[in-house]
Amino acid sequence: MSILIITLWLINIACDTGGQVAFKYAAITSRHKQGTHYWRQLFGNYWLWCGFAAYFIGFLFWLAFLSLVPLSQAILLGSFNIIAVMLAGRILFKEHITPFRLIGILFITSGVILVGMSG
């Protein structure tokens, strides 16, 4: 894989992870969890809009990535986003990584390595 492809891939991972983290912050900082007041407060939340922005930027980089990589390879490499989001959840929100999740991380990482070596 070229440096450009790796760079586009890493930026996409960063944007996807940043977007998910921002959405989580938006969800947990809203005080009321019911009714229209919740949705008004949520749509006024800074973190929600940061998440949308991160997703939009990530979408642009994903399109660039797809223009250079076969779809079958890109979608497998895209699964690495799951690991990045899971690790961010662990670090930022103290979420637990269970043994089954750890096994899943190892399988995904192995698959990404194999896909990366083949292309």
C-alpha atoms as a PDB file:
ATOM      1  CA  MET A   1       0.000   0.000   0.000  1.00  0.00           C
ATOM      2  CA  SER A   2       1.216   3.471  -0.803  1.00  0.00           C
ATOM      3  CA  ILE A   3       1.758   6.218   1.743  1.00  0.00           C
ATOM      4  CA  LEU A   4      -1.249   8.082   0.299  1.00  0.00           C
ATOM      5  CA  ILE A   5      -3.558   5.103   0.815  1.00  0.00           C
ATOM      6  CA  ILE A   6      -2.318   4.559   4.367  1.00  0.00           C
ATOM      7  CA  THR A   7      -2.715   8.272   5.135  1.00  0.00           C
ATOM      8  CA  LEU A   8      -6.278   8.356   3.796  1.00  0.00           C
ATOM      9  CA  TRP A   9      -7.086   5.212   5.781  1.00  0.00           C
ATOM     10  CA  LEU A  10      -5.671   6.612   9.034  1.00  0.00           C
ATOM     11  CA  ILE A  11      -7.473   9.936   8.603  1.00  0.00           C
ATOM     12  CA  ASN A  12     -10.711   8.051   8.017  1.00  0.00           C
ATOM     13  CA  ILE A  13     -10.154   6.026  11.189  1.00  0.00           C
ATOM     14  CA  ALA A  14      -9.438   9.208  13.150  1.00  0.00           C
ATOM     15  CA  CYS A  15     -12.559  10.939  11.800  1.00  0.00           C
ATOM     16  CA  ASP A  16     -14.797   7.945  12.435  1.00  0.00           C
ATOM     17  CA  THR A  17     -13.474   7.503  15.959  1.00  0.00           C
ATOM     18  CA  GLY A  18     -13.686  11.225  16.679  1.00  0.00           C
ATOM     19  CA  GLY A  19     -17.253  11.287  15.395  1.00  0.00           C
ATOM     20  CA  GLN A  20     -18.302   8.352  17.557  1.00  0.00           C
ATOM     21  CA  VAL A  21     -16.659   9.889  20.632  1.00  0.00           C
ATOM     22  CA  ALA A  22     -18.376  13.229  19.970  1.00  0.00           C
ATOM     23  CA  PHE A  23     -21.764  11.503  19.592  1.00  0.00           C
ATOM     24  CA  LYS A  24     -21.197   9.672  22.877  1.00  0.00           C
ATOM     25  CA  TYR A  25     -20.327  12.947  24.633  1.00  0.00           C
ATOM     26  CA  ALA A  26     -23.472  14.536  23.170  1.00  0.00           C
ATOM     27  CA  ALA A  27     -25.590  11.632  24.392  1.00  0.00           C
ATOM     28  CA  ILE A  28     -24.234  11.626  27.948  1.00  0.00           C
ATOM     29  CA  THR A  29     -24.135  15.395  28.489  1.00  0.00           C
ATOM     30  CA  SER A  30     -27.834  15.906  27.791  1.00  0.00           C
ATOM     31  CA  ARG A  31     -29.592  16.154  31.129  1.00  0.00           C
ATOM     32  CA  HIS A  32     -33.116  15.217  30.132  1.00  0.00           C
ATOM     33  CA  LYS A  33     -33.421  11.847  28.419  1.00  0.00           C
ATOM     34  CA  GLN A  34     -37.061  12.044  27.321  1.00  0.00           C
ATOM     35  CA  GLY A  35     -39.408  14.038  25.153  1.00  0.00           C
ATOM     36  CA  THR A  36     -38.927  16.965  22.832  1.00  0.00           C
ATOM     37  CA  HIS A  37     -36.810  18.872  25.348  1.00  0.00           C
ATOM     38  CA  TYR A  38     -34.166  16.154  25.057  1.00  0.00           C
ATOM     39  CA  TRP A  39     -34.044  16.453  21.260  1.00  0.00           C
ATOM     40  CA  ARG A  40     -33.871  20.254  21.362  1.00  0.00           C
ATOM     41  CA  GLN A  41     -31.066  20.095  23.899  1.00  0.00           C
ATOM     42  CA  LEU A  42     -29.307  17.387  21.901  1.00  0.00           C
ATOM     43  CA  PHE A  43     -29.456  19.335  18.623  1.00  0.00           C
ATOM     44  CA  GLY A  44     -28.059  22.371  20.423  1.00  0.00           C
ATOM     45  CA  ASN A  45     -25.167  20.340  21.791  1.00  0.00           C
ATOM     46  CA  TYR A  46     -21.713  21.298  20.541  1.00  0.00           C
ATOM     47  CA  TRP A  47     -20.542  17.667  20.570  1.00  0.00           C
ATOM     48  CA  LEU A  48     -23.293  16.513  18.248  1.00  0.00           C
ATOM     49  CA  TRP A  49     -22.204  19.007  15.588  1.00  0.00           C
ATOM     50  CA  CYS A  50     -18.548  18.052  16.076  1.00  0.00           C
ATOM     51  CA  GLY A  51     -19.592  14.452  15.423  1.00  0.00           C
ATOM     52  CA  PHE A  52     -21.425  15.431  12.237  1.00  0.00           C
ATOM     53  CA  ALA A  53     -18.400  17.431  11.071  1.00  0.00           C
ATOM     54  CA  ALA A  54     -16.027  14.556  11.791  1.00  0.00           C
ATOM     55  CA  TYR A  55     -18.284  12.169   9.882  1.00  0.00           C
ATOM     56  CA  PHE A  56     -18.505  14.524   6.916  1.00  0.00           C
ATOM     57  CA  ILE A  57     -14.730  14.964   6.748  1.00  0.00           C
ATOM     58  CA  GLY A  58     -14.284  11.208   7.178  1.00  0.00           C
ATOM     59  CA  PHE A  59     -16.756  10.630   4.352  1.00  0.00           C
ATOM     60  CA  LEU A  60     -14.649  12.774   2.017  1.00  0.00           C
ATOM     61  CA  PHE A  61     -11.484  10.886   2.919  1.00  0.00           C
ATOM     62  CA  TRP A  62     -13.330   7.553   2.586  1.00  0.00           C
ATOM     63  CA  LEU A  63     -14.341   8.499  -0.960  1.00  0.00           C
ATOM     64  CA  ALA A  64     -10.734   9.335  -1.780  1.00  0.00           C
ATOM     65  CA  PHE A  65      -9.628   6.046  -0.212  1.00  0.00           C
ATOM     66  CA  LEU A  66     -12.217   4.118  -2.256  1.00  0.00           C
ATOM     67  CA  SER A  67     -10.963   5.712  -5.448  1.00  0.00           C
ATOM     68  CA  LEU A  68      -7.566   4.070  -4.864  1.00  0.00           C
ATOM     69  CA  VAL A  69      -8.407   0.730  -3.234  1.00  0.00           C
ATOM     70  CA  PRO A  70     -10.655  -2.132  -4.390  1.00  0.00           C
ATOM     71  CA  LEU A  71     -13.939  -2.131  -2.485  1.00  0.00           C
ATOM     72  CA  SER A  72     -13.404  -5.649  -1.120  1.00  0.00           C
ATOM     73  CA  GLN A  73     -10.085  -4.587   0.397  1.00  0.00           C
ATOM     74  CA  ALA A  74     -11.348  -1.201   1.579  1.00  0.00           C
ATOM     75  CA  ILE A  75     -14.288  -2.611   3.492  1.00  0.00           C
ATOM     76  CA  LEU A  76     -12.039  -5.078   5.312  1.00  0.00           C
ATOM     77  CA  LEU A  77      -9.588  -2.315   6.206  1.00  0.00           C
ATOM     78  CA  GLY A  78     -12.543  -0.183   7.284  1.00  0.00           C
ATOM     79  CA  SER A  79     -13.390  -2.752   9.946  1.00  0.00           C
ATOM     80  CA  PHE A  80     -10.359  -1.519  11.870  1.00  0.00           C
ATOM     81  CA  ASN A  81     -12.514   1.487  12.838  1.00  0.00           C
ATOM     82  CA  ILE A  82     -14.348  -0.840  15.231  1.00  0.00           C
ATOM     83  CA  ILE A  83     -11.134  -1.409  17.172  1.00  0.00           C
ATOM     84  CA  ALA A  84     -10.281   2.285  17.315  1.00  0.00           C
ATOM     85  CA  VAL A  85     -13.761   3.156  18.604  1.00  0.00           C
ATOM     86  CA  MET A  86     -13.643   0.352  21.175  1.00  0.00           C
ATOM     87  CA  LEU A  87     -10.258   1.512  22.465  1.00  0.00           C
ATOM     88  CA  ALA A  88     -11.441   5.134  22.600  1.00  0.00           C
ATOM     89  CA  GLY A  89     -14.452   3.992  24.628  1.00  0.00           C
ATOM     90  CA  ARG A  90     -12.150   2.195  27.024  1.00  0.00           C
ATOM     91  CA  ILE A  91      -9.780   5.143  27.424  1.00  0.00           C
ATOM     92  CA  LEU A  92     -12.274   8.020  27.492  1.00  0.00           C
ATOM     93  CA  PHE A  93     -15.387   6.463  29.030  1.00  0.00           C
ATOM     94  CA  LYS A  94     -13.856   3.635  31.090  1.00  0.00           C
ATOM     95  CA  GLU A  95     -15.908   1.052  29.176  1.00  0.00           C
ATOM     96  CA  HIS A  96     -15.005  -2.576  29.702  1.00  0.00           C
ATOM     97  CA  ILE A  97     -13.290  -4.736  27.121  1.00  0.00           C
ATOM     98  CA  THR A  98     -14.551  -8.224  27.817  1.00  0.00           C
ATOM     99  CA  PRO A  99     -12.600 -11.348  26.854  1.00  0.00           C
ATOM    100  CA  PHE A 100     -14.888 -11.881  23.852  1.00  0.00           C
ATOM    101  CA  ARG A 101     -14.312  -8.302  22.686  1.00  0.00           C
ATOM    102  CA  LEU A 102     -10.576  -8.806  23.068  1.00  0.00           C
ATOM    103  CA  ILE A 103     -10.767 -11.961  20.940  1.00  0.00           C
ATOM    104  CA  GLY A 104     -12.752  -9.979  18.367  1.00  0.00           C
ATOM    105  CA  ILE A 105     -10.076  -7.261  18.344  1.00  0.00           C
ATOM    106  CA  LEU A 106      -7.417  -9.901  17.728  1.00  0.00           C
ATOM    107  CA  PHE A 107      -9.384 -11.423  14.835  1.00  0.00           C
ATOM    108  CA  ILE A 108     -10.018  -8.033  13.229  1.00  0.00           C
ATOM    109  CA  THR A 109      -6.382  -7.012  13.638  1.00  0.00           C
ATOM    110  CA  SER A 110      -5.214 -10.283  12.110  1.00  0.00           C
ATOM    111  CA  GLY A 111      -7.562  -9.807   9.175  1.00  0.00           C
ATOM    112  CA  VAL A 112      -6.423  -6.229   8.592  1.00  0.00           C
ATOM    113  CA  ILE A 113      -2.787  -7.350   8.640  1.00  0.00           C
ATOM    114  CA  LEU A 114      -3.499 -10.128   6.148  1.00  0.00           C
ATOM    115  CA  VAL A 115      -5.426  -7.770   3.852  1.00  0.00           C
ATOM    116  CA  GLY A 116      -2.667  -5.157   4.114  1.00  0.00           C
ATOM    117  CA  MET A 117      -0.002  -7.699   3.231  1.00  0.00           C
ATOM    118  CA  SER A 118      -1.934  -8.892   0.191  1.00  0.00           C
ATOM    119  CA  GLY A 119      -2.344  -5.488  -1.409  1.00  0.00           C
END
